[in-house]
Amino acid sequence: MSHEPLLRDLYQAISDGVTGDGLARFFSPDAEQVEYPSAIRPNGSRRPLADMLAASEQGAGLLSAQSYDVVSYLEQGDTAAVQLTWRGTLAVSMGNVPAGSELVAHVGAFYAFASDGRIARQSSYDCYEPFPA
């Protein structure tokens, strides 16, 4: 069974503005997210599902739009690797970056799936292009 449709549905849901409990169906109850250090999160982060869902609610007001373009997808058993380009348009200023600016990140994302087919672990390496001034 390929997990690619689930991930594409997740990316579409996020692009459509789904947040919080609306995203829970993609993840196992004990799911974990790991973000490795990046320009946005210099210390990286590790959080359980409840914190992931809460962060999606908090971040909803920061972006007026976002999209995911899958560049490549590899899968072996219950593990998948996705290379994608994320684009987000700021709804509000972020430091010196004005509202309306587009942020772009090239992402390497890795997923482990639970026996029920949902995401058990998501880890990502987000490489942001220089921020607009």
Protein backbone atom coordinates (compact mmCIF):
# COMPACT_ATOMS: atom_id res chain seq x y z
CA MET A 1 0.00 0.00 0.00
CA SER A 2 1.42 3.36 -1.00
CA HIS A 3 1.29 6.19 1.53
CA GLU A 4 1.68 8.86 -1.14
CA PRO A 5 -2.07 9.63 -1.44
CA LEU A 6 -2.28 10.30 2.32
CA LEU A 7 0.65 12.73 2.18
CA ARG A 8 -0.70 14.52 -0.88
CA ASP A 9 -4.08 14.83 0.89
CA LEU A 10 -2.30 16.24 3.96
CA TYR A 11 -0.46 18.85 1.88
CA GLN A 12 -3.70 19.81 0.15
CA ALA A 13 -5.57 20.09 3.44
CA ILE A 14 -2.91 22.41 4.86
CA SER A 15 -2.94 24.46 1.63
CA ASP A 16 -6.73 24.71 1.95
CA GLY A 17 -6.38 26.16 5.46
CA VAL A 18 -7.31 23.10 7.51
CA THR A 19 -5.84 23.36 11.03
CA GLY A 20 -6.06 21.75 14.47
CA ASP A 21 -8.36 18.78 14.86
CA GLY A 22 -9.05 18.86 11.12
CA LEU A 23 -5.51 17.56 10.59
CA ALA A 24 -5.65 14.87 13.29
CA ARG A 25 -7.01 12.24 10.88
CA PHE A 26 -3.63 12.11 9.12
CA PHE A 27 -1.68 11.21 12.26
CA SER A 28 -1.60 8.37 14.76
CA PRO A 29 -2.48 9.51 18.31
CA ASP A 30 1.14 9.17 19.47
CA ALA A 31 2.64 10.93 16.42
CA GLU A 32 5.75 13.05 16.78
CA GLN A 33 7.08 15.88 14.65
CA VAL A 34 10.77 16.77 14.49
CA GLU A 35 11.95 19.95 12.77
CA TYR A 36 15.69 20.22 12.40
CA PRO A 37 17.30 23.68 12.78
CA SER A 38 16.42 26.22 10.09
CA ALA A 39 16.24 29.98 9.55
CA ILE A 40 12.74 30.01 11.07
CA ARG A 41 13.48 27.58 13.90
CA PRO A 42 17.21 27.95 14.71
CA ASN A 43 17.04 25.43 17.56
CA GLY A 44 14.73 23.02 15.79
CA SER A 45 11.82 21.47 17.66
CA ARG A 46 10.28 18.20 18.70
CA ARG A 47 6.59 17.99 19.54
CA PRO A 48 3.78 15.49 20.08
CA LEU A 49 0.53 15.52 18.11
CA ALA A 50 -1.36 17.84 20.49
CA ASP A 51 1.38 20.47 20.15
CA MET A 52 1.48 20.02 16.36
CA LEU A 53 -2.25 20.64 16.09
CA ALA A 54 -2.08 23.65 18.43
CA ALA A 55 0.80 25.11 16.41
CA SER A 56 -1.23 24.77 13.21
CA GLU A 57 -3.99 26.85 14.85
CA GLN A 58 -1.52 29.48 16.07
CA GLY A 59 0.21 29.69 12.70
CA ALA A 60 -3.04 30.02 10.74
CA GLY A 61 -3.03 33.80 11.06
CA LEU A 62 0.57 34.17 9.90
CA LEU A 63 -0.02 33.10 6.30
CA SER A 64 -2.63 34.20 3.79
CA ALA A 65 -1.74 31.29 1.48
CA GLN A 66 0.62 28.34 1.26
CA SER A 67 1.30 25.53 -1.18
CA TYR A 68 3.38 22.39 -1.51
CA ASP A 69 4.97 21.19 -4.75
CA VAL A 70 6.22 17.62 -4.48
CA VAL A 71 9.47 17.30 -6.44
CA SER A 72 10.17 13.64 -5.66
CA TYR A 73 8.73 10.83 -3.59
CA LEU A 74 10.41 7.63 -2.45
CA GLU A 75 8.86 4.91 -0.36
CA GLN A 76 10.05 1.68 1.16
CA GLY A 77 7.73 -0.26 3.42
CA ASP A 78 6.36 2.05 6.10
CA THR A 79 8.84 4.85 5.43
CA ALA A 80 8.62 7.66 2.86
CA ALA A 81 10.97 10.46 1.82
CA VAL A 82 9.57 13.55 0.11
CA GLN A 83 11.45 16.38 -1.53
CA LEU A 84 9.17 19.38 -1.92
CA THR A 85 9.06 23.13 -2.34
CA TRP A 86 6.88 25.01 0.12
CA ARG A 87 5.65 28.54 -0.59
CA GLY A 88 3.90 30.74 1.92
CA THR A 89 2.57 34.28 1.63
CA LEU A 90 2.79 36.27 4.87
CA ALA A 91 -0.49 37.71 6.13
CA VAL A 92 1.40 39.81 8.69
CA SER A 93 4.91 41.19 8.93
CA MET A 94 7.50 38.83 10.36
CA GLY A 95 10.39 40.83 11.75
CA ASN A 96 11.77 42.86 8.84
CA VAL A 97 9.83 40.82 6.26
CA PRO A 98 6.67 42.71 5.24
CA ALA A 99 3.17 41.23 4.96
CA GLY A 100 2.50 40.00 1.44
CA SER A 101 6.03 38.65 1.01
CA GLU A 102 6.45 35.12 -0.26
CA LEU A 103 8.66 32.74 1.71
CA VAL A 104 10.10 29.72 -0.08
CA ALA A 105 11.63 26.62 1.49
CA HIS A 106 13.10 23.54 -0.13
CA VAL A 107 12.24 20.67 2.17
CA GLY A 108 13.41 17.15 2.77
CA ALA A 109 10.65 15.44 4.77
CA PHE A 110 10.71 11.91 6.13
CA TYR A 111 7.71 9.96 7.38
CA ALA A 112 7.25 6.76 9.34
CA PHE A 113 3.78 5.25 9.24
CA ALA A 114 1.88 3.38 11.94
CA SER A 115 0.21 0.03 11.30
CA ASP A 116 -3.10 1.84 10.64
CA GLY A 117 -1.47 3.74 7.75
CA ARG A 118 -1.39 7.12 9.49
CA ILE A 119 1.74 9.18 10.15
CA ALA A 120 3.61 8.12 13.29
CA ARG A 121 6.67 10.36 12.84
CA GLN A 122 7.41 13.31 10.61
CA SER A 123 10.84 14.88 10.44
CA SER A 124 11.91 17.69 8.15
CA TYR A 125 14.88 19.71 7.01
CA ASP A 126 13.62 23.10 5.81
CA CYS A 127 16.06 25.11 3.69
CA TYR A 128 14.68 28.64 3.27
CA GLU A 129 15.60 30.91 0.41
CA PRO A 130 16.79 34.35 1.53
CA PHE A 131 13.93 36.33 3.05
CA PRO A 132 12.63 39.33 1.11
CA ALA A 133 13.64 42.68 2.62
